[in-house]
Amino acid sequence: MTTNRRTPAGLGTSGKKLWHSIADQFEIEEHEALLLVEACRVADRLDALAAAQRDAPLTVTSAKGDEVASPYLVEARQQAIVLSRLIASLRLPTGDEGEEKRPQRRGAARGAYGIKGVV
């Protein structure tokens, strides 16, 4: 495990806050650091989408002439899902366990994959 990781270059305000809230508090391994960097980038992307949506209408007219949700809102929803899955993949302690152990291992968002047996 590695401690005192440096803040990755290119992160914005939310990305840096997320990085420090996790990397400064927990010892994370290299594969976890990669997940955390991507989560930080997604957090910054959500900020950019929110800024773009701020002055845009909530709905737009599609090519078919239908009124649909703004593409900024649609992408922000997708990025929020990605962020929650990345954070969940880090398996951080919730704080109510009283110990500094990692919580029990849970399957990935789509479940655990095993090796197929030979039939």
Protein backbone atom coordinates (compact mmCIF):
# COMPACT_ATOMS: atom_id res chain seq x y z
CA MET A 1 0.00 0.00 0.00
CA THR A 2 1.10 3.55 -0.66
CA THR A 3 0.56 6.71 1.35
CA ASN A 4 1.08 10.41 0.65
CA ARG A 5 0.12 10.31 -3.00
CA ARG A 6 0.51 13.54 -4.92
CA THR A 7 -2.52 15.25 -6.40
CA PRO A 8 -2.74 14.31 -10.09
CA ALA A 9 -2.16 17.13 -12.56
CA GLY A 10 -5.10 18.62 -14.39
CA LEU A 11 -7.78 18.21 -11.73
CA GLY A 12 -10.27 20.99 -11.11
CA THR A 13 -11.72 22.15 -7.81
CA SER A 14 -14.13 19.24 -7.23
CA GLY A 15 -11.60 16.70 -8.46
CA LYS A 16 -8.95 17.99 -6.05
CA LYS A 17 -11.40 18.01 -3.15
CA LEU A 18 -12.43 14.44 -3.87
CA TRP A 19 -8.82 13.32 -4.26
CA HIS A 20 -7.77 14.84 -0.93
CA SER A 21 -10.85 13.59 0.90
CA ILE A 22 -9.85 10.02 0.05
CA ALA A 23 -6.10 9.91 -0.67
CA ASP A 24 -5.19 11.92 2.43
CA GLN A 25 -7.31 9.74 4.70
CA PHE A 26 -6.82 6.21 3.36
CA GLU A 27 -3.92 4.11 2.18
CA ILE A 28 -4.76 3.22 -1.39
CA GLU A 29 -3.14 0.77 -3.75
CA GLU A 30 -2.22 1.56 -7.34
CA HIS A 31 -5.39 0.10 -8.88
CA GLU A 32 -7.48 2.09 -6.40
CA ALA A 33 -5.56 5.26 -7.25
CA LEU A 34 -6.47 4.78 -10.91
CA LEU A 35 -10.15 4.45 -10.00
CA LEU A 36 -9.90 7.52 -7.79
CA VAL A 37 -8.26 9.62 -10.52
CA GLU A 38 -11.07 8.73 -12.90
CA ALA A 39 -13.67 9.54 -10.22
CA CYS A 40 -12.01 12.94 -9.75
CA ARG A 41 -12.14 13.61 -13.49
CA VAL A 42 -15.82 12.70 -13.52
CA ALA A 43 -16.46 15.08 -10.61
CA ASP A 44 -14.83 17.88 -12.60
CA ARG A 45 -16.82 16.89 -15.68
CA LEU A 46 -20.03 17.17 -13.65
CA ASP A 47 -19.03 20.71 -12.68
CA ALA A 48 -18.48 21.60 -16.34
CA LEU A 49 -21.84 20.13 -17.32
CA ALA A 50 -23.58 22.03 -14.51
CA ALA A 51 -21.95 25.28 -15.66
CA ALA A 52 -23.02 24.65 -19.26
CA GLN A 53 -26.57 23.83 -18.17
CA ARG A 54 -26.83 26.94 -15.98
CA ASP A 55 -27.70 29.20 -18.93
CA ALA A 56 -29.29 26.56 -21.15
CA PRO A 57 -32.96 25.54 -21.29
CA LEU A 58 -33.98 22.33 -19.51
CA THR A 59 -35.50 20.98 -22.70
CA VAL A 60 -34.58 21.15 -26.39
CA THR A 61 -36.33 20.18 -29.59
CA SER A 62 -35.08 16.94 -31.10
CA ALA A 63 -34.57 16.30 -34.82
CA LYS A 64 -38.04 14.71 -34.85
CA GLY A 65 -39.57 17.85 -33.36
CA ASP A 66 -40.13 16.35 -29.92
CA GLU A 67 -39.30 18.24 -26.76
CA VAL A 68 -36.62 16.27 -24.90
CA ALA A 69 -34.32 16.80 -21.94
CA SER A 70 -31.26 18.92 -22.50
CA PRO A 71 -28.21 16.89 -23.56
CA TYR A 72 -26.34 18.48 -20.64
CA LEU A 73 -28.85 16.99 -18.20
CA VAL A 74 -28.74 13.59 -19.86
CA GLU A 75 -24.94 13.46 -19.80
CA ALA A 76 -24.81 14.76 -16.22
CA ARG A 77 -27.09 11.93 -15.14
CA GLN A 78 -24.85 9.39 -16.89
CA GLN A 79 -21.71 10.88 -15.36
CA ALA A 80 -23.31 10.83 -11.89
CA ILE A 81 -23.95 7.10 -12.32
CA VAL A 82 -20.33 6.56 -13.36
CA LEU A 83 -19.11 8.55 -10.35
CA SER A 84 -21.20 6.53 -7.91
CA ARG A 85 -19.95 3.26 -9.41
CA LEU A 86 -16.32 4.36 -9.28
CA ILE A 87 -16.65 5.43 -5.64
CA ALA A 88 -18.42 2.17 -4.77
CA SER A 89 -15.63 0.23 -6.48
CA LEU A 90 -13.14 1.73 -4.02
CA ARG A 91 -14.96 -0.03 -1.15
CA LEU A 92 -14.23 2.76 1.32
CA PRO A 93 -15.22 2.24 4.95
CA THR A 94 -18.47 3.95 5.87
CA GLY A 95 -17.24 5.11 9.27
CA ASP A 96 -19.94 3.38 11.30
CA GLU A 97 -17.99 0.15 11.65
CA GLY A 98 -15.81 1.44 14.47
CA GLU A 99 -12.68 -0.13 12.98
CA GLU A 100 -10.37 0.84 10.16
CA LYS A 101 -11.08 -2.32 8.18
CA ARG A 102 -12.45 -2.32 4.68
CA PRO A 103 -16.07 -3.37 4.44
CA GLN A 104 -16.88 -6.84 3.21
CA ARG A 105 -16.13 -7.49 -0.40
CA ARG A 106 -19.11 -6.99 -2.61
CA GLY A 107 -19.51 -7.79 -6.25
CA ALA A 108 -19.07 -5.14 -8.87
CA ALA A 109 -22.02 -3.12 -10.09
CA ARG A 110 -23.03 -5.93 -12.44
CA GLY A 111 -22.14 -8.72 -10.04
CA ALA A 112 -19.11 -10.92 -9.70
CA TYR A 113 -17.87 -12.91 -12.64
CA GLY A 114 -16.40 -16.33 -12.12
CA ILE A 115 -14.59 -18.75 -14.36
CA LYS A 116 -16.94 -20.80 -16.48
CA GLY A 117 -16.90 -24.46 -15.68
CA VAL A 118 -16.27 -27.01 -18.37
CA VAL A 119 -19.44 -28.92 -19.16
